[in-house]
């Protein structure tokens, strides 16, 4: 019986148990982040798929050996590193696209807020909008606001013109 080369030998049983436990803990951690609303569901799905793939590789070690043989990679650990780099690259690309989209949305929202603020300032300057700041006295809905210069000319107003 010939000895099995180190690269072709399966991983140690204790190492496999550690890999399964660590991967399961990562999976549970992702679920906990979603439960606490620290991680959006759309990103959680990506992380759960990655941890699921790692769990499959940790349990079914022959799959890694078969995949590395298919790609003509001599050492299965090198295939695992290649797969990890590919996943990291795809995640970075995905998050770069998401960040770019969010930056564009933030720019559009800032422009819209500036436009609306300008319109509000213009309306206030023209006397078309009432001052609705927190703590400002409420004005009755039935009567439109009366500018200060008109209130002194109304009959019966204090300090107003003579009635007659």
N, C-alpha and C. Protein backbone atom coordinates (compact mmCIF):
# COMPACT_ATOMS: atom_id res chain seq x y z
N UNK A 1 0.85 -1.17 0.00
CA UNK A 1 0.00 0.00 0.00
C UNK A 1 0.89 1.22 0.00
N UNK A 2 0.69 2.13 -0.96
CA UNK A 2 1.53 3.32 -1.06
C UNK A 2 0.95 4.43 -0.20
N UNK A 3 1.84 5.27 0.36
CA UNK A 3 1.35 6.37 1.19
C UNK A 3 0.62 7.41 0.33
N UNK A 4 -0.38 8.03 0.92
CA UNK A 4 -1.17 9.05 0.23
C UNK A 4 -0.42 10.37 0.35
N UNK A 5 -0.22 11.08 -0.79
CA UNK A 5 0.45 12.38 -0.70
C UNK A 5 -0.34 13.33 0.20
N UNK A 6 0.37 14.26 0.83
CA UNK A 6 -0.24 15.18 1.78
C UNK A 6 -1.33 16.03 1.13
N UNK A 7 -1.12 16.47 -0.11
CA UNK A 7 -2.10 17.31 -0.79
C UNK A 7 -3.39 16.57 -1.07
N UNK A 8 -3.30 15.27 -1.31
CA UNK A 8 -4.50 14.51 -1.65
C UNK A 8 -5.20 13.97 -0.41
N UNK A 9 -4.54 14.01 0.72
CA UNK A 9 -5.14 13.49 1.94
C UNK A 9 -6.27 14.41 2.40
N UNK A 10 -7.30 13.81 2.99
CA UNK A 10 -8.40 14.61 3.51
C UNK A 10 -7.94 15.38 4.74
N UNK A 11 -8.75 16.33 5.15
CA UNK A 11 -8.35 17.11 6.31
C UNK A 11 -8.65 16.31 7.58
N UNK A 12 -7.94 16.65 8.63
CA UNK A 12 -8.07 15.98 9.91
C UNK A 12 -9.50 16.12 10.44
N UNK A 13 -9.99 15.13 11.13
CA UNK A 13 -11.35 15.14 11.66
C UNK A 13 -11.61 16.28 12.62
N UNK A 14 -10.64 16.57 13.50
CA UNK A 14 -10.81 17.69 14.43
C UNK A 14 -10.87 19.02 13.69
N UNK A 15 -10.03 19.17 12.68
CA UNK A 15 -10.03 20.40 11.88
C UNK A 15 -11.35 20.56 11.14
N UNK A 16 -11.90 19.46 10.66
CA UNK A 16 -13.18 19.51 9.97
C UNK A 16 -14.30 19.92 10.93
N UNK A 17 -14.28 19.41 12.16
CA UNK A 17 -15.29 19.79 13.15
C UNK A 17 -15.16 21.27 13.48
N UNK A 18 -13.95 21.77 13.64
CA UNK A 18 -13.73 23.19 13.92
C UNK A 18 -14.25 24.04 12.76
N UNK A 19 -13.97 23.61 11.52
CA UNK A 19 -14.43 24.35 10.35
C UNK A 19 -15.95 24.40 10.31
N UNK A 20 -16.61 23.30 10.61
CA UNK A 20 -18.08 23.26 10.60
C UNK A 20 -18.64 24.16 11.70
N UNK A 21 -18.06 24.10 12.90
CA UNK A 21 -18.56 24.90 14.02
C UNK A 21 -18.35 26.39 13.75
N UNK A 22 -17.17 26.78 13.25
CA UNK A 22 -16.90 28.19 12.98
C UNK A 22 -17.83 28.71 11.88
N UNK A 23 -18.03 27.92 10.85
CA UNK A 23 -18.92 28.34 9.77
C UNK A 23 -20.36 28.46 10.26
N UNK A 24 -20.79 27.54 11.09
CA UNK A 24 -22.15 27.62 11.65
C UNK A 24 -22.29 28.85 12.54
N UNK A 25 -21.25 29.19 13.30
CA UNK A 25 -21.29 30.39 14.13
C UNK A 25 -21.36 31.66 13.28
N UNK A 26 -20.64 31.67 12.19
CA UNK A 26 -20.70 32.83 11.28
C UNK A 26 -22.12 32.96 10.71
N UNK A 27 -22.70 31.84 10.33
CA UNK A 27 -24.07 31.84 9.80
C UNK A 27 -25.05 32.39 10.85
N UNK A 28 -24.92 31.93 12.09
CA UNK A 28 -25.80 32.42 13.17
C UNK A 28 -25.55 33.90 13.45
N UNK A 29 -24.31 34.34 13.34
CA UNK A 29 -23.98 35.75 13.55
C UNK A 29 -24.65 36.63 12.49
N UNK A 30 -24.66 36.17 11.24
CA UNK A 30 -25.34 36.91 10.17
C UNK A 30 -26.83 36.99 10.45
N UNK A 31 -27.42 35.88 10.89
CA UNK A 31 -28.85 35.89 11.24
C UNK A 31 -29.13 36.85 12.40
N UNK A 32 -28.25 36.90 13.38
CA UNK A 32 -28.43 37.81 14.51
C UNK A 32 -28.32 39.27 14.05
N UNK A 33 -27.40 39.57 13.14
CA UNK A 33 -27.29 40.93 12.61
C UNK A 33 -28.57 41.34 11.88
N UNK A 34 -29.17 40.42 11.16
CA UNK A 34 -30.43 40.71 10.47
C UNK A 34 -31.54 40.92 11.50
N UNK A 35 -31.58 40.09 12.52
CA UNK A 35 -32.61 40.20 13.55
C UNK A 35 -32.53 41.54 14.26
N UNK A 36 -31.32 42.04 14.51
CA UNK A 36 -31.14 43.33 15.18
C UNK A 36 -31.20 44.50 14.20
N UNK A 37 -31.48 44.21 12.95
CA UNK A 37 -31.58 45.23 11.89
C UNK A 37 -30.28 45.99 11.69
N UNK A 38 -29.17 45.31 11.86
CA UNK A 38 -27.86 45.90 11.60
C UNK A 38 -27.36 45.56 10.20
N UNK A 39 -28.00 44.57 9.57
CA UNK A 39 -27.63 44.13 8.24
C UNK A 39 -28.91 43.96 7.43
N UNK A 40 -28.93 44.60 6.26
CA UNK A 40 -30.11 44.52 5.40
C UNK A 40 -30.26 43.10 4.86
N UNK A 41 -31.51 42.72 4.62
CA UNK A 41 -31.79 41.37 4.15
C UNK A 41 -31.11 41.06 2.83
N UNK A 42 -31.04 42.06 1.95
CA UNK A 42 -30.44 41.80 0.63
C UNK A 42 -28.96 41.48 0.75
N UNK A 43 -28.27 42.06 1.74
CA UNK A 43 -26.85 41.73 1.94
C UNK A 43 -26.72 40.45 2.76
N UNK A 44 -27.66 40.20 3.63
CA UNK A 44 -27.62 38.99 4.44
C UNK A 44 -27.71 37.75 3.55
N UNK A 45 -28.50 37.83 2.49
CA UNK A 45 -28.62 36.69 1.59
C UNK A 45 -27.26 36.34 0.98
N UNK A 46 -26.52 37.35 0.59
CA UNK A 46 -25.18 37.12 0.02
C UNK A 46 -24.29 36.43 1.04
N UNK A 47 -24.26 36.95 2.27
CA UNK A 47 -23.41 36.37 3.30
C UNK A 47 -23.87 34.97 3.68
N UNK A 48 -25.17 34.72 3.68
CA UNK A 48 -25.66 33.39 4.01
C UNK A 48 -25.31 32.38 2.92
N UNK A 49 -25.32 32.82 1.67
CA UNK A 49 -24.90 31.93 0.58
C UNK A 49 -23.42 31.59 0.69
N UNK A 50 -22.60 32.60 1.02
CA UNK A 50 -21.16 32.35 1.17
C UNK A 50 -20.91 31.39 2.33
N UNK A 51 -21.54 31.63 3.48
CA UNK A 51 -21.33 30.73 4.62
C UNK A 51 -21.92 29.35 4.34
N UNK A 52 -23.01 29.30 3.59
CA UNK A 52 -23.56 27.99 3.20
C UNK A 52 -22.59 27.21 2.33
N UNK A 53 -21.95 27.91 1.39
CA UNK A 53 -20.95 27.24 0.54
C UNK A 53 -19.77 26.77 1.37
N UNK A 54 -19.33 27.60 2.31
CA UNK A 54 -18.23 27.19 3.19
C UNK A 54 -18.63 25.99 4.05
N UNK A 55 -19.86 25.96 4.50
CA UNK A 55 -20.33 24.83 5.30
C UNK A 55 -20.35 23.55 4.47
N UNK A 56 -20.79 23.65 3.22
CA UNK A 56 -20.78 22.48 2.33
C UNK A 56 -19.35 21.99 2.12
N UNK A 57 -18.43 22.93 1.90
CA UNK A 57 -17.02 22.53 1.70
C UNK A 57 -16.42 21.96 2.98
N UNK A 58 -16.83 22.45 4.14
CA UNK A 58 -16.30 21.93 5.40
C UNK A 58 -16.83 20.52 5.68
N UNK A 59 -18.06 20.27 5.28
CA UNK A 59 -18.63 18.94 5.52
C UNK A 59 -18.20 17.96 4.44
N UNK A 60 -18.27 18.38 3.20
CA UNK A 60 -17.98 17.51 2.05
C UNK A 60 -16.62 17.91 1.47
N UNK A 61 -15.57 17.41 2.10
CA UNK A 61 -14.21 17.82 1.73
C UNK A 61 -13.79 17.29 0.35
N UNK A 62 -14.40 16.22 -0.10
CA UNK A 62 -14.05 15.70 -1.43
C UNK A 62 -14.48 16.64 -2.54
N UNK A 63 -15.48 17.48 -2.29
CA UNK A 63 -15.92 18.45 -3.28
C UNK A 63 -14.81 19.44 -3.60
N UNK A 64 -14.09 19.89 -2.58
CA UNK A 64 -12.97 20.81 -2.78
C UNK A 64 -11.88 20.13 -3.61
N UNK A 65 -11.57 18.89 -3.28
CA UNK A 65 -10.56 18.15 -4.04
C UNK A 65 -10.99 17.97 -5.50
N UNK A 66 -12.27 17.63 -5.72
CA UNK A 66 -12.77 17.46 -7.08
C UNK A 66 -12.70 18.77 -7.85
N UNK A 67 -13.07 19.88 -7.22
CA UNK A 67 -13.04 21.19 -7.88
C UNK A 67 -11.63 21.62 -8.23
N UNK A 68 -10.69 21.38 -7.36
CA UNK A 68 -9.31 21.77 -7.66
C UNK A 68 -8.71 20.89 -8.75
N UNK A 69 -9.08 19.62 -8.78
CA UNK A 69 -8.62 18.75 -9.88
C UNK A 69 -9.21 19.20 -11.21
N UNK A 70 -10.46 19.63 -11.19
CA UNK A 70 -11.13 20.10 -12.40
C UNK A 70 -10.44 21.34 -12.96
N UNK A 71 -9.95 22.21 -12.07
CA UNK A 71 -9.25 23.43 -12.49
C UNK A 71 -7.75 23.26 -12.62
N UNK A 72 -7.27 22.02 -12.48
CA UNK A 72 -5.83 21.71 -12.55
C UNK A 72 -5.02 22.48 -11.51
N UNK A 73 -5.53 22.58 -10.31
CA UNK A 73 -4.81 23.18 -9.20
C UNK A 73 -4.30 22.02 -8.35
N UNK A 74 -3.01 22.01 -8.08
CA UNK A 74 -2.41 20.85 -7.41
C UNK A 74 -2.81 20.73 -5.95
N UNK A 75 -2.84 21.84 -5.23
CA UNK A 75 -3.13 21.79 -3.80
C UNK A 75 -4.53 22.36 -3.56
N UNK A 76 -5.43 21.58 -2.93
CA UNK A 76 -6.79 22.06 -2.69
C UNK A 76 -6.84 23.37 -1.90
N UNK A 77 -5.90 23.59 -1.00
CA UNK A 77 -5.89 24.84 -0.23
C UNK A 77 -5.71 26.04 -1.16
N UNK A 78 -4.90 25.88 -2.22
CA UNK A 78 -4.74 26.97 -3.19
C UNK A 78 -6.05 27.25 -3.93
N UNK A 79 -6.80 26.21 -4.22
CA UNK A 79 -8.11 26.40 -4.84
C UNK A 79 -9.07 27.13 -3.91
N UNK A 80 -8.98 26.81 -2.62
CA UNK A 80 -9.81 27.48 -1.64
C UNK A 80 -9.45 28.97 -1.56
N UNK A 81 -8.14 29.27 -1.57
CA UNK A 81 -7.71 30.67 -1.56
C UNK A 81 -8.16 31.40 -2.83
N UNK A 82 -8.07 30.75 -3.97
CA UNK A 82 -8.52 31.34 -5.22
C UNK A 82 -10.02 31.65 -5.16
N UNK A 83 -10.79 30.70 -4.64
CA UNK A 83 -12.24 30.90 -4.50
C UNK A 83 -12.52 32.04 -3.52
N UNK A 84 -11.78 32.11 -2.44
CA UNK A 84 -11.98 33.17 -1.45
C UNK A 84 -11.68 34.54 -2.06
N UNK A 85 -10.60 34.64 -2.84
CA UNK A 85 -10.27 35.91 -3.50
C UNK A 85 -11.35 36.29 -4.52
N UNK A 86 -11.87 35.30 -5.24
CA UNK A 86 -12.91 35.58 -6.22
C UNK A 86 -14.18 36.09 -5.52
N UNK A 87 -14.56 35.47 -4.41
CA UNK A 87 -15.74 35.90 -3.67
C UNK A 87 -15.51 37.30 -3.11
N UNK A 88 -14.32 37.55 -2.54
CA UNK A 88 -14.01 38.88 -1.99
C UNK A 88 -14.06 39.93 -3.10
N UNK A 89 -13.54 39.62 -4.26
CA UNK A 89 -13.57 40.55 -5.39
C UNK A 89 -15.01 40.86 -5.80
N UNK A 90 -15.84 39.83 -5.89
CA UNK A 90 -17.23 40.04 -6.28
C UNK A 90 -17.99 40.85 -5.23
N UNK A 91 -17.72 40.59 -3.95
CA UNK A 91 -18.37 41.36 -2.89
C UNK A 91 -17.94 42.82 -2.94
N UNK A 92 -16.65 43.07 -3.14
CA UNK A 92 -16.17 44.44 -3.25
C UNK A 92 -16.79 45.16 -4.44
N UNK A 93 -16.90 44.46 -5.56
CA UNK A 93 -17.52 45.06 -6.74
C UNK A 93 -19.00 45.36 -6.46
N UNK A 94 -19.69 44.43 -5.84
CA UNK A 94 -21.11 44.63 -5.51
C UNK A 94 -21.29 45.83 -4.59
N UNK A 95 -20.47 45.93 -3.55
CA UNK A 95 -20.62 47.04 -2.60
C UNK A 95 -20.15 48.36 -3.22
N UNK A 96 -19.23 48.33 -4.15
CA UNK A 96 -18.85 49.55 -4.85
C UNK A 96 -20.00 50.07 -5.70
N UNK A 97 -20.70 49.17 -6.36
CA UNK A 97 -21.87 49.56 -7.16
C UNK A 97 -22.95 50.13 -6.23
N UNK A 98 -23.19 49.46 -5.10
CA UNK A 98 -24.21 49.95 -4.16
C UNK A 98 -23.81 51.31 -3.60
N UNK A 99 -22.55 51.50 -3.27
CA UNK A 99 -22.08 52.79 -2.75
C UNK A 99 -22.22 53.88 -3.80
N UNK A 100 -21.89 53.58 -5.03
CA UNK A 100 -22.04 54.56 -6.10
C UNK A 100 -23.50 54.97 -6.28
N UNK A 101 -24.38 54.00 -6.24
CA UNK A 101 -25.81 54.28 -6.39
C UNK A 101 -26.30 55.14 -5.23
N UNK A 102 -25.89 54.80 -4.01
CA UNK A 102 -26.31 55.58 -2.85
C UNK A 102 -25.74 57.00 -2.88
N UNK A 103 -24.52 57.17 -3.36
CA UNK A 103 -23.93 58.50 -3.47
C UNK A 103 -24.72 59.35 -4.46
N UNK A 104 -25.11 58.76 -5.56
CA UNK A 104 -25.91 59.48 -6.56
C UNK A 104 -27.27 59.87 -5.98
N UNK A 105 -27.89 58.95 -5.25
CA UNK A 105 -29.18 59.24 -4.63
C UNK A 105 -29.04 60.35 -3.59
N UNK A 106 -27.97 60.33 -2.80
CA UNK A 106 -27.75 61.37 -1.79
C UNK A 106 -27.55 62.73 -2.46
N UNK A 107 -26.84 62.76 -3.59
CA UNK A 107 -26.64 64.02 -4.31
C UNK A 107 -27.98 64.55 -4.83
N UNK A 108 -28.79 63.69 -5.39
CA UNK A 108 -30.10 64.11 -5.91
C UNK A 108 -30.98 64.61 -4.78
N UNK A 109 -30.97 63.91 -3.65
CA UNK A 109 -31.77 64.35 -2.51
C UNK A 109 -31.29 65.68 -1.96
N UNK A 110 -29.99 65.90 -1.90
CA UNK A 110 -29.46 67.19 -1.42
C UNK A 110 -29.87 68.32 -2.36
N UNK A 111 -29.84 68.07 -3.66
CA UNK A 111 -30.26 69.08 -4.62
C UNK A 111 -31.75 69.38 -4.47
N UNK A 112 -32.56 68.35 -4.24
CA UNK A 112 -33.99 68.54 -4.08
C UNK A 112 -34.29 69.32 -2.79
N UNK A 113 -33.58 69.00 -1.71
CA UNK A 113 -33.78 69.74 -0.46
C UNK A 113 -33.38 71.20 -0.64
N UNK A 114 -32.28 71.45 -1.33
CA UNK A 114 -31.85 72.84 -1.56
C UNK A 114 -32.88 73.59 -2.40
N UNK A 115 -33.44 72.93 -3.41
CA UNK A 115 -34.46 73.56 -4.25
C UNK A 115 -35.71 73.88 -3.43
N UNK A 116 -36.16 72.93 -2.64
CA UNK A 116 -37.35 73.15 -1.82
C UNK A 116 -37.11 74.23 -0.75
N UNK A 117 -35.91 74.26 -0.19
CA UNK A 117 -35.58 75.29 0.78
C UNK A 117 -35.59 76.67 0.13
N UNK A 118 -35.07 76.76 -1.08
CA UNK A 118 -35.09 78.03 -1.81
C UNK A 118 -36.51 78.48 -2.10
N UNK A 119 -37.36 77.55 -2.51
CA UNK A 119 -38.77 77.89 -2.76
C UNK A 119 -39.46 78.34 -1.49
N UNK A 120 -39.18 77.68 -0.37
CA UNK A 120 -39.80 78.05 0.89
C UNK A 120 -39.34 79.44 1.34
N UNK A 121 -38.05 79.71 1.20
CA UNK A 121 -37.54 81.04 1.58
C UNK A 121 -38.17 82.12 0.69
N UNK A 122 -38.31 81.84 -0.58
CA UNK A 122 -38.92 82.80 -1.50
C UNK A 122 -40.39 83.03 -1.15
N UNK A 123 -41.10 81.96 -0.83
CA UNK A 123 -42.50 82.08 -0.47
C UNK A 123 -42.66 82.86 0.84
N UNK A 124 -41.78 82.63 1.78
CA UNK A 124 -41.83 83.38 3.05
C UNK A 124 -41.52 84.85 2.81
N UNK A 125 -40.58 85.13 1.93
CA UNK A 125 -40.22 86.52 1.63
C UNK A 125 -41.37 87.24 0.95
N UNK A 126 -42.14 86.53 0.16
CA UNK A 126 -43.29 87.13 -0.53
C UNK A 126 -44.54 87.11 0.33
N UNK A 127 -44.46 86.55 1.54
CA UNK A 127 -45.61 86.50 2.43
C UNK A 127 -46.63 85.46 2.05
N UNK A 128 -46.26 84.49 1.23
CA UNK A 128 -47.22 83.47 0.79
C UNK A 128 -47.30 82.28 1.73
N UNK A 129 -46.28 82.08 2.53
CA UNK A 129 -46.26 80.92 3.42
C UNK A 129 -46.20 81.40 4.85
N UNK A 130 -46.95 80.73 5.72
CA UNK A 130 -46.90 81.08 7.14
C UNK A 130 -45.68 80.44 7.76
N UNK A 131 -45.24 80.99 8.84
CA UNK A 131 -44.06 80.48 9.54
C UNK A 131 -44.49 79.29 10.39
N UNK A 132 -44.10 78.11 10.01
CA UNK A 132 -44.50 76.89 10.71
C UNK A 132 -43.32 76.27 11.46
N UNK A 133 -42.50 77.08 12.06
CA UNK A 133 -41.38 76.57 12.84
C UNK A 133 -41.92 75.96 14.13
N UNK A 134 -41.18 74.98 14.70
CA UNK A 134 -41.61 74.42 15.98
C UNK A 134 -41.67 75.52 17.04
N UNK A 135 -42.77 75.58 17.78
CA UNK A 135 -42.93 76.58 18.82
C UNK A 135 -43.62 77.84 18.33
N UNK A 136 -43.82 77.97 17.02
CA UNK A 136 -44.52 79.15 16.48
C UNK A 136 -45.99 79.01 16.81
N UNK A 137 -46.66 80.13 17.14
CA UNK A 137 -48.09 80.04 17.48
C UNK A 137 -48.90 79.60 16.28
N UNK A 138 -49.88 78.75 16.56
CA UNK A 138 -50.77 78.27 15.50
C UNK A 138 -51.71 79.38 15.07
N UNK A 139 -51.97 79.51 13.80
CA UNK A 139 -52.91 80.50 13.29
C UNK A 139 -54.20 79.77 12.95
N UNK A 140 -55.34 80.41 13.15
CA UNK A 140 -56.61 79.74 12.84
C UNK A 140 -56.69 79.40 11.36
N UNK A 141 -57.32 78.27 11.07
CA UNK A 141 -57.43 77.80 9.70
C UNK A 141 -58.45 78.61 8.89
N UNK A 142 -59.47 79.16 9.55
CA UNK A 142 -60.54 79.85 8.83
C UNK A 142 -60.08 81.19 8.27
N UNK A 143 -59.33 81.96 9.05
CA UNK A 143 -58.91 83.29 8.64
C UNK A 143 -57.49 83.26 8.11
N UNK A 144 -57.25 83.86 6.95
CA UNK A 144 -55.88 83.92 6.45
C UNK A 144 -55.06 84.86 7.33
N UNK A 145 -53.74 84.67 7.39
CA UNK A 145 -52.91 85.54 8.21
C UNK A 145 -52.98 86.98 7.70
N UNK A 146 -53.02 87.89 8.63
CA UNK A 146 -53.13 89.30 8.28
C UNK A 146 -51.78 89.95 8.51
N UNK A 147 -51.19 90.56 7.47
CA UNK A 147 -49.90 91.23 7.66
C UNK A 147 -50.04 92.38 8.65
N UNK A 148 -48.97 92.75 9.31
CA UNK A 148 -48.97 93.75 10.37
C UNK A 148 -49.45 95.11 9.87
N UNK A 149 -49.08 95.54 8.66
CA UNK A 149 -49.47 96.88 8.18
C UNK A 149 -50.96 96.97 7.89
N UNK A 150 -51.63 95.88 7.55
CA UNK A 150 -53.06 95.90 7.30
C UNK A 150 -53.87 95.89 8.59
N UNK A 151 -53.36 95.27 9.65
CA UNK A 151 -54.11 95.14 10.88
C UNK A 151 -54.33 96.49 11.56
N UNK A 152 -53.48 97.45 11.34
CA UNK A 152 -53.64 98.76 11.97
C UNK A 152 -54.67 99.61 11.24
N UNK A 153 -55.08 99.24 10.02
CA UNK A 153 -56.03 100.03 9.26
C UNK A 153 -57.43 99.47 9.30
N UNK A 154 -57.63 98.33 9.96
CA UNK A 154 -58.96 97.74 10.02
C UNK A 154 -59.80 98.47 11.07
N UNK A 155 -61.10 98.63 10.82
CA UNK A 155 -61.97 99.27 11.81
C UNK A 155 -61.97 98.47 13.10
N UNK A 156 -61.93 99.16 14.21
CA UNK A 156 -61.99 98.53 15.50
C UNK A 156 -60.65 98.03 15.99
N UNK A 157 -59.62 98.15 15.21
CA UNK A 157 -58.30 97.68 15.64
C UNK A 157 -57.71 98.72 16.58
N UNK A 158 -56.96 98.26 17.51
CA UNK A 158 -56.35 99.16 18.47
C UNK A 158 -55.40 100.09 17.76
N UNK A 159 -55.51 101.40 18.00
CA UNK A 159 -54.62 102.38 17.38
C UNK A 159 -54.93 102.57 15.92
N UNK A 160 -56.11 102.12 15.44
CA UNK A 160 -56.43 102.21 14.04
C UNK A 160 -57.02 103.56 13.68
N UNK A 161 -57.47 103.68 12.47
CA UNK A 161 -58.05 104.93 11.95
C UNK A 161 -59.45 105.14 12.54
N UNK A 162 -59.95 106.35 12.48
CA UNK A 162 -61.27 106.67 12.99
C UNK A 162 -62.34 105.98 12.18
N UNK A 163 -63.37 105.59 12.85
CA UNK A 163 -64.49 104.94 12.18
C UNK A 163 -65.50 106.04 11.85
N UNK A 164 -65.99 106.07 10.72
CA UNK A 164 -66.97 107.10 10.53
C UNK A 164 -67.24 107.44 9.19
